[in-house]
Amino acid sequence: QVQLVESGGGLVQPGGSLRLSCAASGIAFSRYFMAWYRQAPGKHRELVAAITSNVIGSTNYDDSVKGRFTISRDNAKNTVYLPMNSLKPEDAAVYYCKASSRQLYYWGKGTQVTVSS
């Protein structure tokens, strides 16, 4: 059974930091392209950051988070991370982890990030 479990969300003040984690099980994690998405109320789910499955681990970011968020993965721990710094109110959303490989993909259930003073 495939599971992606996100954690690390919470309430933070503007300018603050959080570190999201996504622990995967039931998949050959190192072979999967991993990504973080977010969805705010009334908006479409959008790609935040992604990292490839190869040794290089190439990354890609939405322009709105470049320089503030950093995606990384630890294949030994089957976990992908998203440290988020300088958080803004517009970063508030449910953050989802996605694992994909060719035609297969899996989603986590999400973790809530709230940015408010």
PDB file of N, CA and C in Angstrom:
ATOM      1  N   GLN A   1       0.844  -1.188   0.000  1.00  0.00           N
ATOM      2  CA  GLN A   1       0.000   0.000   0.000  1.00  0.00           C
ATOM      3  C   GLN A   1       0.887   1.249   0.000  1.00  0.00           C
ATOM      4  N   VAL A   2       0.610   2.128  -0.932  1.00  0.00           N
ATOM      5  CA  VAL A   2       1.403   3.341  -1.052  1.00  0.00           C
ATOM      6  C   VAL A   2       0.873   4.399  -0.087  1.00  0.00           C
ATOM      7  N   GLN A   3       1.789   5.014   0.623  1.00  0.00           N
ATOM      8  CA  GLN A   3       1.417   6.112   1.517  1.00  0.00           C
ATOM      9  C   GLN A   3       2.411   7.253   1.381  1.00  0.00           C
ATOM     10  N   LEU A   4       1.873   8.453   1.300  1.00  0.00           N
ATOM     11  CA  LEU A   4       2.669   9.667   1.378  1.00  0.00           C
ATOM     12  C   LEU A   4       2.095  10.465   2.541  1.00  0.00           C
ATOM     13  N   VAL A   5       2.913  10.718   3.532  1.00  0.00           N
ATOM     14  CA  VAL A   5       2.426  11.382   4.732  1.00  0.00           C
ATOM     15  C   VAL A   5       3.190  12.688   4.934  1.00  0.00           C
ATOM     16  N   GLU A   6       2.463  13.784   4.786  1.00  0.00           N
ATOM     17  CA  GLU A   6       3.060  15.100   4.981  1.00  0.00           C
ATOM     18  C   GLU A   6       3.007  15.491   6.458  1.00  0.00           C
ATOM     19  N   SER A   7       3.973  16.279   6.866  1.00  0.00           N
ATOM     20  CA  SER A   7       3.992  16.812   8.228  1.00  0.00           C
ATOM     21  C   SER A   7       4.773  18.126   8.238  1.00  0.00           C
ATOM     22  N   GLY A   8       4.652  18.847   9.340  1.00  0.00           N
ATOM     23  CA  GLY A   8       5.414  20.080   9.493  1.00  0.00           C
ATOM     24  C   GLY A   8       4.633  21.359   9.289  1.00  0.00           C
ATOM     25  N   GLY A   9       3.390  21.233   8.882  1.00  0.00           N
ATOM     26  CA  GLY A   9       2.578  22.431   8.708  1.00  0.00           C
ATOM     27  C   GLY A   9       2.193  23.031  10.050  1.00  0.00           C
ATOM     28  N   GLY A  10       1.585  24.206   9.986  1.00  0.00           N
ATOM     29  CA  GLY A  10       1.163  24.858  11.211  1.00  0.00           C
ATOM     30  C   GLY A  10       0.911  26.334  10.997  1.00  0.00           C
ATOM     31  N   LEU A  11       0.810  27.040  12.095  1.00  0.00           N
ATOM     32  CA  LEU A  11       0.577  28.483  12.079  1.00  0.00           C
ATOM     33  C   LEU A  11       1.896  29.206  12.299  1.00  0.00           C
ATOM     34  N   VAL A  12       2.180  30.160  11.450  1.00  0.00           N
ATOM     35  CA  VAL A  12       3.420  30.922  11.573  1.00  0.00           C
ATOM     36  C   VAL A  12       3.125  32.372  11.217  1.00  0.00           C
ATOM     37  N   GLN A  13       3.878  33.261  11.812  1.00  0.00           N
ATOM     38  CA  GLN A  13       3.718  34.678  11.508  1.00  0.00           C
ATOM     39  C   GLN A  13       4.407  35.016  10.188  1.00  0.00           C
ATOM     40  N   PRO A  14       3.967  36.070   9.520  1.00  0.00           N
ATOM     41  CA  PRO A  14       4.670  36.505   8.301  1.00  0.00           C
ATOM     42  C   PRO A  14       6.151  36.717   8.591  1.00  0.00           C
ATOM     43  N   GLY A  15       6.964  36.231   7.664  1.00  0.00           N
ATOM     44  CA  GLY A  15       8.404  36.306   7.857  1.00  0.00           C
ATOM     45  C   GLY A  15       8.992  35.085   8.540  1.00  0.00           C
ATOM     46  N   GLY A  16       8.134  34.239   9.050  1.00  0.00           N
ATOM     47  CA  GLY A  16       8.588  33.055   9.761  1.00  0.00           C
ATOM     48  C   GLY A  16       8.940  31.901   8.837  1.00  0.00           C
ATOM     49  N   SER A  17       9.275  30.774   9.457  1.00  0.00           N
ATOM     50  CA  SER A  17       9.722  29.599   8.710  1.00  0.00           C
ATOM     51  C   SER A  17       9.011  28.344   9.163  1.00  0.00           C
ATOM     52  N   LEU A  18       8.872  27.423   8.252  1.00  0.00           N
ATOM     53  CA  LEU A  18       8.395  26.077   8.537  1.00  0.00           C
ATOM     54  C   LEU A  18       9.188  25.110   7.677  1.00  0.00           C
ATOM     55  N   ARG A  19       9.219  23.864   8.113  1.00  0.00           N
ATOM     56  CA  ARG A  19       9.853  22.831   7.318  1.00  0.00           C
ATOM     57  C   ARG A  19       8.884  21.678   7.125  1.00  0.00           C
ATOM     58  N   LEU A  20       8.454  21.493   5.896  1.00  0.00           N
ATOM     59  CA  LEU A  20       7.547  20.397   5.584  1.00  0.00           C
ATOM     60  C   LEU A  20       8.339  19.139   5.254  1.00  0.00           C
ATOM     61  N   SER A  21       7.774  18.009   5.626  1.00  0.00           N
ATOM     62  CA  SER A  21       8.356  16.713   5.295  1.00  0.00           C
ATOM     63  C   SER A  21       7.276  15.841   4.674  1.00  0.00           C
ATOM     64  N   CYS A  22       7.696  14.954   3.803  1.00  0.00           N
ATOM     65  CA  CYS A  22       6.781  13.979   3.209  1.00  0.00           C
ATOM     66  C   CYS A  22       7.477  12.633   3.237  1.00  0.00           C
ATOM     67  N   ALA A  23       6.945  11.734   4.041  1.00  0.00           N
ATOM     68  CA  ALA A  23       7.518  10.405   4.161  1.00  0.00           C
ATOM     69  C   ALA A  23       6.739   9.440   3.283  1.00  0.00           C
ATOM     70  N   ALA A  24       7.456   8.728   2.444  1.00  0.00           N
ATOM     71  CA  ALA A  24       6.818   7.802   1.499  1.00  0.00           C
ATOM     72  C   ALA A  24       7.061   6.364   1.911  1.00  0.00           C
ATOM     73  N   SER A  25       6.079   5.524   1.639  1.00  0.00           N
ATOM     74  CA  SER A  25       6.216   4.090   1.842  1.00  0.00           C
ATOM     75  C   SER A  25       5.434   3.366   0.753  1.00  0.00           C
ATOM     76  N   GLY A  26       5.879   2.150   0.453  1.00  0.00           N
ATOM     77  CA  GLY A  26       5.184   1.355  -0.545  1.00  0.00           C
ATOM     78  C   GLY A  26       5.607   1.624  -1.972  1.00  0.00           C
ATOM     79  N   ILE A  27       6.607   2.473  -2.161  1.00  0.00           N
ATOM     80  CA  ILE A  27       7.122   2.754  -3.503  1.00  0.00           C
ATOM     81  C   ILE A  27       8.641   2.696  -3.483  1.00  0.00           C
ATOM     82  N   ALA A  28       9.220   2.506  -4.659  1.00  0.00           N
ATOM     83  CA  ALA A  28      10.675   2.577  -4.805  1.00  0.00           C
ATOM     84  C   ALA A  28      11.023   4.057  -4.885  1.00  0.00           C
ATOM     85  N   PHE A  29      11.124   4.666  -3.739  1.00  0.00           N
ATOM     86  CA  PHE A  29      11.178   6.120  -3.616  1.00  0.00           C
ATOM     87  C   PHE A  29      12.223   6.766  -4.520  1.00  0.00           C
ATOM     88  N   SER A  30      13.398   6.199  -4.575  1.00  0.00           N
ATOM     89  CA  SER A  30      14.484   6.833  -5.331  1.00  0.00           C
ATOM     90  C   SER A  30      14.169   6.948  -6.820  1.00  0.00           C
ATOM     91  N   ARG A  31      13.210   6.180  -7.288  1.00  0.00           N
ATOM     92  CA  ARG A  31      12.863   6.190  -8.704  1.00  0.00           C
ATOM     93  C   ARG A  31      11.757   7.188  -9.037  1.00  0.00           C
ATOM     94  N   TYR A  32      11.246   7.841  -8.017  1.00  0.00           N
ATOM     95  CA  TYR A  32      10.113   8.727  -8.213  1.00  0.00           C
ATOM     96  C   TYR A  32      10.517  10.192  -8.237  1.00  0.00           C
ATOM     97  N   PHE A  33       9.912  10.896  -9.158  1.00  0.00           N
ATOM     98  CA  PHE A  33       9.952  12.347  -9.223  1.00  0.00           C
ATOM     99  C   PHE A  33       9.047  12.849  -8.099  1.00  0.00           C
ATOM    100  N   MET A  34       9.562  13.739  -7.280  1.00  0.00           N
ATOM    101  CA  MET A  34       8.799  14.209  -6.120  1.00  0.00           C
ATOM    102  C   MET A  34       8.496  15.692  -6.255  1.00  0.00           C
ATOM    103  N   ALA A  35       7.333  16.066  -5.790  1.00  0.00           N
ATOM    104  CA  ALA A  35       6.940  17.463  -5.915  1.00  0.00           C
ATOM    105  C   ALA A  35       6.054  17.883  -4.753  1.00  0.00           C
ATOM    106  N   TRP A  36       6.072  19.163  -4.487  1.00  0.00           N
ATOM    107  CA  TRP A  36       5.160  19.789  -3.534  1.00  0.00           C
ATOM    108  C   TRP A  36       4.199  20.690  -4.312  1.00  0.00           C
ATOM    109  N   TYR A  37       2.943  20.540  -3.986  1.00  0.00           N
ATOM    110  CA  TYR A  37       1.903  21.401  -4.536  1.00  0.00           C
ATOM    111  C   TYR A  37       1.208  22.094  -3.368  1.00  0.00           C
ATOM    112  N   ARG A  38       0.459  23.130  -3.682  1.00  0.00           N
ATOM    113  CA  ARG A  38      -0.369  23.758  -2.658  1.00  0.00           C
ATOM    114  C   ARG A  38      -1.696  24.201  -3.255  1.00  0.00           C
ATOM    115  N   GLN A  39      -2.670  24.271  -2.379  1.00  0.00           N
ATOM    116  CA  GLN A  39      -3.992  24.701  -2.804  1.00  0.00           C
ATOM    117  C   GLN A  39      -4.598  25.584  -1.735  1.00  0.00           C
ATOM    118  N   ALA A  40      -4.853  26.810  -2.110  1.00  0.00           N
ATOM    119  CA  ALA A  40      -5.504  27.752  -1.213  1.00  0.00           C
ATOM    120  C   ALA A  40      -7.014  27.706  -1.467  1.00  0.00           C
ATOM    121  N   PRO A  41      -7.808  28.132  -0.510  1.00  0.00           N
ATOM    122  CA  PRO A  41      -9.267  28.109  -0.692  1.00  0.00           C
ATOM    123  C   PRO A  41      -9.699  28.861  -1.944  1.00  0.00           C
ATOM    124  N   GLY A  42     -10.519  28.219  -2.760  1.00  0.00           N
ATOM    125  CA  GLY A  42     -11.021  28.853  -3.963  1.00  0.00           C
ATOM    126  C   GLY A  42     -10.045  28.920  -5.111  1.00  0.00           C
ATOM    127  N   LYS A  43      -8.897  28.299  -4.953  1.00  0.00           N
ATOM    128  CA  LYS A  43      -7.891  28.336  -6.019  1.00  0.00           C
ATOM    129  C   LYS A  43      -7.533  26.932  -6.484  1.00  0.00           C
ATOM    130  N   HIS A  44      -6.932  26.869  -7.675  1.00  0.00           N
ATOM    131  CA  HIS A  44      -6.474  25.582  -8.191  1.00  0.00           C
ATOM    132  C   HIS A  44      -5.221  25.129  -7.447  1.00  0.00           C
ATOM    133  N   ARG A  45      -5.015  23.849  -7.464  1.00  0.00           N
ATOM    134  CA  ARG A  45      -3.784  23.304  -6.902  1.00  0.00           C
ATOM    135  C   ARG A  45      -2.638  23.698  -7.829  1.00  0.00           C
ATOM    136  N   GLU A  46      -1.547  24.193  -7.244  1.00  0.00           N
ATOM    137  CA  GLU A  46      -0.432  24.666  -8.053  1.00  0.00           C
ATOM    138  C   GLU A  46       0.878  24.028  -7.611  1.00  0.00           C
ATOM    139  N   LEU A  47       1.759  23.862  -8.579  1.00  0.00           N
ATOM    140  CA  LEU A  47       3.075  23.304  -8.300  1.00  0.00           C
ATOM    141  C   LEU A  47       3.926  24.343  -7.588  1.00  0.00           C
ATOM    142  N   VAL A  48       4.547  23.930  -6.506  1.00  0.00           N
ATOM    143  CA  VAL A  48       5.423  24.810  -5.734  1.00  0.00           C
ATOM    144  C   VAL A  48       6.883  24.512  -6.040  1.00  0.00           C
ATOM    145  N   ALA A  49       7.238  23.231  -5.940  1.00  0.00           N
ATOM    146  CA  ALA A  49       8.630  22.837  -6.139  1.00  0.00           C
ATOM    147  C   ALA A  49       8.677  21.367  -6.509  1.00  0.00           C
ATOM    148  N   ALA A  50       9.719  20.998  -7.249  1.00  0.00           N
ATOM    149  CA  ALA A  50       9.857  19.610  -7.675  1.00  0.00           C
ATOM    150  C   ALA A  50      11.324  19.236  -7.718  1.00  0.00           C
ATOM    151  N   ILE A  51      11.566  17.927  -7.591  1.00  0.00           N
ATOM    152  CA  ILE A  51      12.931  17.424  -7.638  1.00  0.00           C
ATOM    153  C   ILE A  51      12.928  16.102  -8.379  1.00  0.00           C
ATOM    154  N   THR A  52      13.902  15.934  -9.257  1.00  0.00           N
ATOM    155  CA  THR A  52      13.952  14.730 -10.075  1.00  0.00           C
ATOM    156  C   THR A  52      14.435  13.522  -9.279  1.00  0.00           C
ATOM    157  N   SER A  53      14.308  12.372  -9.912  1.00  0.00           N
ATOM    158  CA  SER A  53      14.643  11.130  -9.239  1.00  0.00           C
ATOM    159  C   SER A  53      16.086  10.716  -9.427  1.00  0.00           C
ATOM    160  N   ASN A  54      16.799  11.382 -10.318  1.00  0.00           N
ATOM    161  CA  ASN A  54      18.154  10.925 -10.583  1.00  0.00           C
ATOM    162  C   ASN A  54      19.130  11.427  -9.512  1.00  0.00           C
ATOM    163  N   VAL A  55      20.358  10.989  -9.637  1.00  0.00           N
ATOM    164  CA  VAL A  55      21.372  11.303  -8.632  1.00  0.00           C
ATOM    165  C   VAL A  55      21.578  12.806  -8.509  1.00  0.00           C
ATOM    166  N   ILE A  56      21.456  13.501  -9.630  1.00  0.00           N
ATOM    167  CA  ILE A  56      21.667  14.952  -9.615  1.00  0.00           C
ATOM    168  C   ILE A  56      20.610  15.657  -8.794  1.00  0.00           C
ATOM    169  N   GLY A  57      19.389  15.154  -8.858  1.00  0.00           N
ATOM    170  CA  GLY A  57      18.318  15.780  -8.099  1.00  0.00           C
ATOM    171  C   GLY A  57      18.048  17.194  -8.535  1.00  0.00           C
ATOM    172  N   SER A  58      17.824  17.373  -9.826  1.00  0.00           N
ATOM    173  CA  SER A  58      17.533  18.715 -10.339  1.00  0.00           C
ATOM    174  C   SER A  58      16.229  19.217  -9.757  1.00  0.00           C
ATOM    175  N   THR A  59      16.189  20.524  -9.512  1.00  0.00           N
ATOM    176  CA  THR A  59      15.026  21.126  -8.862  1.00  0.00           C
ATOM    177  C   THR A  59      14.375  22.186  -9.735  1.00  0.00           C
ATOM    178  N   ASN A  60      13.126  22.433  -9.448  1.00  0.00           N
ATOM    179  CA  ASN A  60      12.365  23.442 -10.162  1.00  0.00           C
ATOM    180  C   ASN A  60      11.414  24.096  -9.169  1.00  0.00           C
ATOM    181  N   TYR A  61      11.220  25.417  -9.305  1.00  0.00           N
ATOM    182  CA  TYR A  61      10.385  26.148  -8.368  1.00  0.00           C
ATOM    183  C   TYR A  61       9.426  27.087  -9.088  1.00  0.00           C
ATOM    184  N   ASP A  62       8.289  27.287  -8.460  1.00  0.00           N
ATOM    185  CA  ASP A  62       7.416  28.354  -8.925  1.00  0.00           C
ATOM    186  C   ASP A  62       8.125  29.682  -8.620  1.00  0.00           C
ATOM    187  N   ASP A  63       7.936  30.651  -9.488  1.00  0.00           N
ATOM    188  CA  ASP A  63       8.609  31.945  -9.307  1.00  0.00           C
ATOM    189  C   ASP A  63       8.284  32.583  -7.950  1.00  0.00           C
ATOM    190  N   SER A  64       7.105  32.333  -7.460  1.00  0.00           N
ATOM    191  CA  SER A  64       6.678  32.988  -6.220  1.00  0.00           C
ATOM    192  C   SER A  64       7.437  32.509  -4.989  1.00  0.00           C
ATOM    193  N   VAL A  65       8.128  31.369  -5.090  1.00  0.00           N
ATOM    194  CA  VAL A  65       8.828  30.829  -3.920  1.00  0.00           C
ATOM    195  C   VAL A  65      10.332  30.756  -4.112  1.00  0.00           C
ATOM    196  N   LYS A  66      10.803  31.103  -5.277  1.00  0.00           N
ATOM    197  CA  LYS A  66      12.245  31.038  -5.536  1.00  0.00           C
ATOM    198  C   LYS A  66      13.014  31.898  -4.535  1.00  0.00           C
ATOM    199  N   GLY A  67      14.070  31.321  -4.006  1.00  0.00           N
ATOM    200  CA  GLY A  67      14.884  32.026  -3.031  1.00  0.00           C
ATOM    201  C   GLY A  67      14.380  31.915  -1.612  1.00  0.00           C
ATOM    202  N   ARG A  68      13.168  31.425  -1.431  1.00  0.00           N
ATOM    203  CA  ARG A  68      12.600  31.279  -0.089  1.00  0.00           C
ATOM    204  C   ARG A  68      12.379  29.818   0.299  1.00  0.00           C
ATOM    205  N   PHE A  69      12.012  28.997  -0.649  1.00  0.00           N
ATOM    206  CA  PHE A  69      11.759  27.571  -0.400  1.00  0.00           C
ATOM    207  C   PHE A  69      12.871  26.760  -1.054  1.00  0.00           C
ATOM    208  N   THR A  70      13.176  25.611  -0.454  1.00  0.00           N
ATOM    209  CA  THR A  70      14.202  24.726  -1.003  1.00  0.00           C
ATOM    210  C   THR A  70      13.724  23.280  -0.898  1.00  0.00           C
ATOM    211  N   ILE A  71      13.590  22.622  -2.017  1.00  0.00           N
ATOM    212  CA  ILE A  71      13.170  21.224  -1.987  1.00  0.00           C
ATOM    213  C   ILE A  71      14.405  20.331  -1.959  1.00  0.00           C
ATOM    214  N   SER A  72      14.338  19.272  -1.179  1.00  0.00           N
ATOM    215  CA  SER A  72      15.428  18.302  -1.137  1.00  0.00           C
ATOM    216  C   SER A  72      14.844  16.935  -0.836  1.00  0.00           C
ATOM    217  N   ARG A  73      15.639  15.914  -1.051  1.00  0.00           N
ATOM    218  CA  ARG A  73      15.183  14.558  -0.785  1.00  0.00           C
ATOM    219  C   ARG A  73      16.285  13.746  -0.140  1.00  0.00           C
ATOM    220  N   ASP A  74      15.857  12.797   0.681  1.00  0.00           N
ATOM    221  CA  ASP A  74      16.770  11.856   1.297  1.00  0.00           C
ATOM    222  C   ASP A  74      16.273  10.467   0.912  1.00  0.00           C
ATOM    223  N   ASN A  75      16.902   9.875  -0.071  1.00  0.00           N
ATOM    224  CA  ASN A  75      16.437   8.580  -0.564  1.00  0.00           C
ATOM    225  C   ASN A  75      16.619   7.468   0.468  1.00  0.00           C
ATOM    226  N   ALA A  76      17.556   7.621   1.360  1.00  0.00           N
ATOM    227  CA  ALA A  76      17.757   6.619   2.409  1.00  0.00           C
ATOM    228  C   ALA A  76      16.598   6.620   3.398  1.00  0.00           C
ATOM    229  N   LYS A  77      15.962   7.771   3.545  1.00  0.00           N
ATOM    230  CA  LYS A  77      14.836   7.900   4.480  1.00  0.00           C
ATOM    231  C   LYS A  77      13.490   7.944   3.767  1.00  0.00           C
ATOM    232  N   ASN A  78      13.503   7.824   2.449  1.00  0.00           N
ATOM    233  CA  ASN A  78      12.261   7.886   1.664  1.00  0.00           C
ATOM    234  C   ASN A  78      11.460   9.147   1.984  1.00  0.00           C
ATOM    235  N   THR A  79      12.159  10.253   2.064  1.00  0.00           N
ATOM    236  CA  THR A  79      11.526  11.490   2.503  1.00  0.00           C
ATOM    237  C   THR A  79      11.954  12.659   1.617  1.00  0.00           C
ATOM    238  N   VAL A  80      10.995  13.516   1.348  1.00  0.00           N
ATOM    239  CA  VAL A  80      11.272  14.760   0.648  1.00  0.00           C
ATOM    240  C   VAL A  80      10.925  15.912   1.587  1.00  0.00           C
ATOM    241  N   TYR A  81      11.709  16.966   1.509  1.00  0.00           N
ATOM    242  CA  TYR A  81      11.576  18.092   2.434  1.00  0.00           C
ATOM    243  C   TYR A  81      11.298  19.389   1.685  1.00  0.00           C
ATOM    244  N   LEU A  82      10.679  20.315   2.423  1.00  0.00           N
ATOM    245  CA  LEU A  82      10.472  21.651   1.871  1.00  0.00           C
ATOM    246  C   LEU A  82      10.611  22.664   3.004  1.00  0.00           C
ATOM    247  N   PRO A  83      11.838  23.102   3.250  1.00  0.00           N
ATOM    248  CA  PRO A  83      12.005  24.210   4.181  1.00  0.00           C
ATOM    249  C   PRO A  83      11.473  25.477   3.532  1.00  0.00           C
ATOM    250  N   MET A  84      10.688  26.236   4.292  1.00  0.00           N
ATOM    251  CA  MET A  84      10.073  27.440   3.764  1.00  0.00           C
ATOM    252  C   MET A  84      10.456  28.609   4.666  1.00  0.00           C
ATOM    253  N   ASN A  85      11.079  29.597   4.081  1.00  0.00           N
ATOM    254  CA  ASN A  85      11.506  30.776   4.834  1.00  0.00           C
ATOM    255  C   ASN A  85      10.783  32.018   4.329  1.00  0.00           C
ATOM    256  N   SER A  86      10.847  33.065   5.134  1.00  0.00           N
ATOM    257  CA  SER A  86      10.238  34.347   4.768  1.00  0.00           C
ATOM    258  C   SER A  86       8.807  34.158   4.286  1.00  0.00           C
ATOM    259  N   LEU A  87       8.049  33.417   5.056  1.00  0.00           N
ATOM    260  CA  LEU A  87       6.683  33.102   4.650  1.00  0.00           C
ATOM    261  C   LEU A  87       5.808  34.347   4.583  1.00  0.00           C
ATOM    262  N   LYS A  88       4.928  34.328   3.601  1.00  0.00           N
ATOM    263  CA  LYS A  88       4.021  35.445   3.357  1.00  0.00           C
ATOM    264  C   LYS A  88       2.583  34.961   3.527  1.00  0.00           C
ATOM    265  N   PRO A  89       1.657  35.857   3.789  1.00  0.00           N
ATOM    266  CA  PRO A  89       0.253  35.445   3.900  1.00  0.00           C
ATOM    267  C   PRO A  89      -0.229  34.694   2.658  1.00  0.00           C
ATOM    268  N   GLU A  90       0.278  35.043   1.493  1.00  0.00           N
ATOM    269  CA  GLU A  90      -0.149  34.367   0.267  1.00  0.00           C
ATOM    270  C   GLU A  90       0.409  32.958   0.125  1.00  0.00           C
ATOM    271  N   ASP A  91       1.307  32.564   1.018  1.00  0.00           N
ATOM    272  CA  ASP A  91       1.799  31.184   1.022  1.00  0.00           C
ATOM    273  C   ASP A  91       0.850  30.249   1.758  1.00  0.00           C
ATOM    274  N   ALA A  92      -0.117  30.801   2.446  1.00  0.00           N
ATOM    275  CA  ALA A  92      -1.053  29.976   3.213  1.00  0.00           C
ATOM    276  C   ALA A  92      -1.859  29.074   2.280  1.00  0.00           C
ATOM    277  N   ALA A  93      -1.881  27.806   2.600  1.00  0.00           N
ATOM    278  CA  ALA A  93      -2.567  26.815   1.757  1.00  0.00           C
ATOM    279  C   ALA A  93      -2.414  25.441   2.394  1.00  0.00           C
ATOM    280  N   VAL A  94      -3.083  24.482   1.802  1.00  0.00           N
ATOM    281  CA  VAL A  94      -2.800  23.087   2.130  1.00  0.00           C
ATOM    282  C   VAL A  94      -1.699  22.634   1.174  1.00  0.00           C
ATOM    283  N   TYR A  95      -0.640  22.102   1.731  1.00  0.00           N
ATOM    284  CA  TYR A  95       0.494  21.661   0.934  1.00  0.00           C
ATOM    285  C   TYR A  95       0.440  20.145   0.773  1.00  0.00           C
ATOM    286  N   TYR A  96       0.574  19.716  -0.468  1.00  0.00           N
ATOM    287  CA  TYR A  96       0.489  18.300  -0.808  1.00  0.00           C
ATOM    288  C   TYR A  96       1.797  17.801  -1.403  1.00  0.00           C
ATOM    289  N   CYS A  97       2.095  16.582  -1.109  1.00  0.00           N
ATOM    290  CA  CYS A  97       3.250  15.895  -1.668  1.00  0.00           C
ATOM    291  C   CYS A  97       2.748  14.981  -2.790  1.00  0.00           C
ATOM    292  N   LYS A  98       3.488  14.931  -3.879  1.00  0.00           N
ATOM    293  CA  LYS A  98       3.135  14.056  -4.990  1.00  0.00           C
ATOM    294  C   LYS A  98       4.358  13.284  -5.426  1.00  0.00           C
ATOM    295  N   ALA A  99       4.158  11.985  -5.638  1.00  0.00           N
ATOM    296  CA  ALA A  99       5.208  11.126  -6.178  1.00  0.00           C
ATOM    297  C   ALA A  99       4.756  10.641  -7.536  1.00  0.00           C
ATOM    298  N   SER A 100       5.625  10.732  -8.528  1.00  0.00           N
ATOM    299  CA  SER A 100       5.245  10.292  -9.865  1.00  0.00           C
ATOM    300  C   SER A 100       6.402   9.590 -10.550  1.00  0.00           C
ATOM    301  N   SER A 101       6.011   8.595 -11.348  1.00  0.00           N
ATOM    302  CA  SER A 101       6.986   7.837 -12.114  1.00  0.00           C
ATOM    303  C   SER A 101       6.280   7.297 -13.344  1.00  0.00           C
ATOM    304  N   ARG A 102       6.673   7.785 -14.488  1.00  0.00           N
ATOM    305  CA  ARG A 102       6.014   7.422 -15.740  1.00  0.00           C
ATOM    306  C   ARG A 102       4.512   7.672 -15.585  1.00  0.00           C
ATOM    307  N   GLN A 103       3.687   6.648 -15.690  1.00  0.00           N
ATOM    308  CA  GLN A 103       2.242   6.861 -15.642  1.00  0.00           C
ATOM    309  C   GLN A 103       1.650   6.688 -14.247  1.00  0.00           C
ATOM    310  N   LEU A 104       2.485   6.429 -13.283  1.00  0.00           N
ATOM    311  CA  LEU A 104       2.005   6.256 -11.916  1.00  0.00           C
ATOM    312  C   LEU A 104       2.196   7.542 -11.126  1.00  0.00           C
ATOM    313  N   TYR A 105       1.227   7.873 -10.308  1.00  0.00           N
ATOM    314  CA  TYR A 105       1.404   9.005  -9.411  1.00  0.00           C
ATOM    315  C   TYR A 105       0.547   8.799  -8.168  1.00  0.00           C
ATOM    316  N   TYR A 106       1.025   9.382  -7.083  1.00  0.00           N
ATOM    317  CA  TYR A 106       0.359   9.264  -5.788  1.00  0.00           C
ATOM    318  C   TYR A 106       0.400  10.604  -5.086  1.00  0.00           C
ATOM    319  N   TRP A 107      -0.659  10.853  -4.323  1.00  0.00           N
ATOM    320  CA  TRP A 107      -0.761  12.091  -3.555  1.00  0.00           C
ATOM    321  C   TRP A 107      -0.839  11.795  -2.073  1.00  0.00           C
ATOM    322  N   GLY A 108      -0.289  12.703  -1.283  1.00  0.00           N
ATOM    323  CA  GLY A 108      -0.532  12.671   0.142  1.00  0.00           C
ATOM    324  C   GLY A 108      -1.829  13.391   0.461  1.00  0.00           C
ATOM    325  N   LYS A 109      -2.186  13.400   1.741  1.00  0.00           N
ATOM    326  CA  LYS A 109      -3.445  14.023   2.140  1.00  0.00           C
ATOM    327  C   LYS A 109      -3.286  15.502   2.478  1.00  0.00           C
ATOM    328  N   GLY A 110      -2.070  15.955   2.554  1.00  0.00           N
ATOM    329  CA  GLY A 110      -1.830  17.380   2.739  1.00  0.00           C
ATOM    330  C   GLY A 110      -1.570  17.792   4.177  1.00  0.00           C
ATOM    331  N   THR A 111      -0.927  18.939   4.303  1.00  0.00           N
ATOM    332  CA  THR A 111      -0.689  19.553   5.609  1.00  0.00           C
ATOM    333  C   THR A 111      -0.979  21.041   5.492  1.00  0.00           C
ATOM    334  N   GLN A 112      -1.667  21.578   6.476  1.00  0.00           N
ATOM    335  CA  GLN A 112      -2.115  22.964   6.414  1.00  0.00           C
ATOM    336  C   GLN A 112      -1.001  23.908   6.845  1.00  0.00           C
ATOM    337  N   VAL A 113      -0.789  24.933   6.055  1.00  0.00           N
ATOM    338  CA  VAL A 113       0.129  26.021   6.410  1.00  0.00           C
ATOM    339  C   VAL A 113      -0.686  27.301   6.509  1.00  0.00           C
ATOM    340  N   THR A 114      -0.623  27.937   7.660  1.00  0.00           N
ATOM    341  CA  THR A 114      -1.333  29.193   7.888  1.00  0.00           C
ATOM    342  C   THR A 114      -0.312  30.271   8.231  1.00  0.00           C
ATOM    343  N   VAL A 115      -0.380  31.360   7.525  1.00  0.00           N
ATOM    344  CA  VAL A 115       0.546  32.470   7.747  1.00  0.00           C
ATOM    345  C   VAL A 115      -0.280  33.687   8.151  1.00  0.00           C
ATOM    346  N   SER A 116      -0.161  34.028   9.409  1.00  0.00           N
ATOM    347  CA  SER A 116      -0.989  35.110   9.930  1.00  0.00           C
ATOM    348  C   SER A 116      -0.371  35.688  11.180  1.00  0.00           C
ATOM    349  N   SER A 117      -0.578  36.977  11.356  1.00  0.00           N
ATOM    350  CA  SER A 117      -0.096  37.615  12.575  1.00  0.00           C
ATOM    351  C   SER A 117      -1.196  37.644  13.631  1.00  0.00           C
TER     352      SER A 117
END
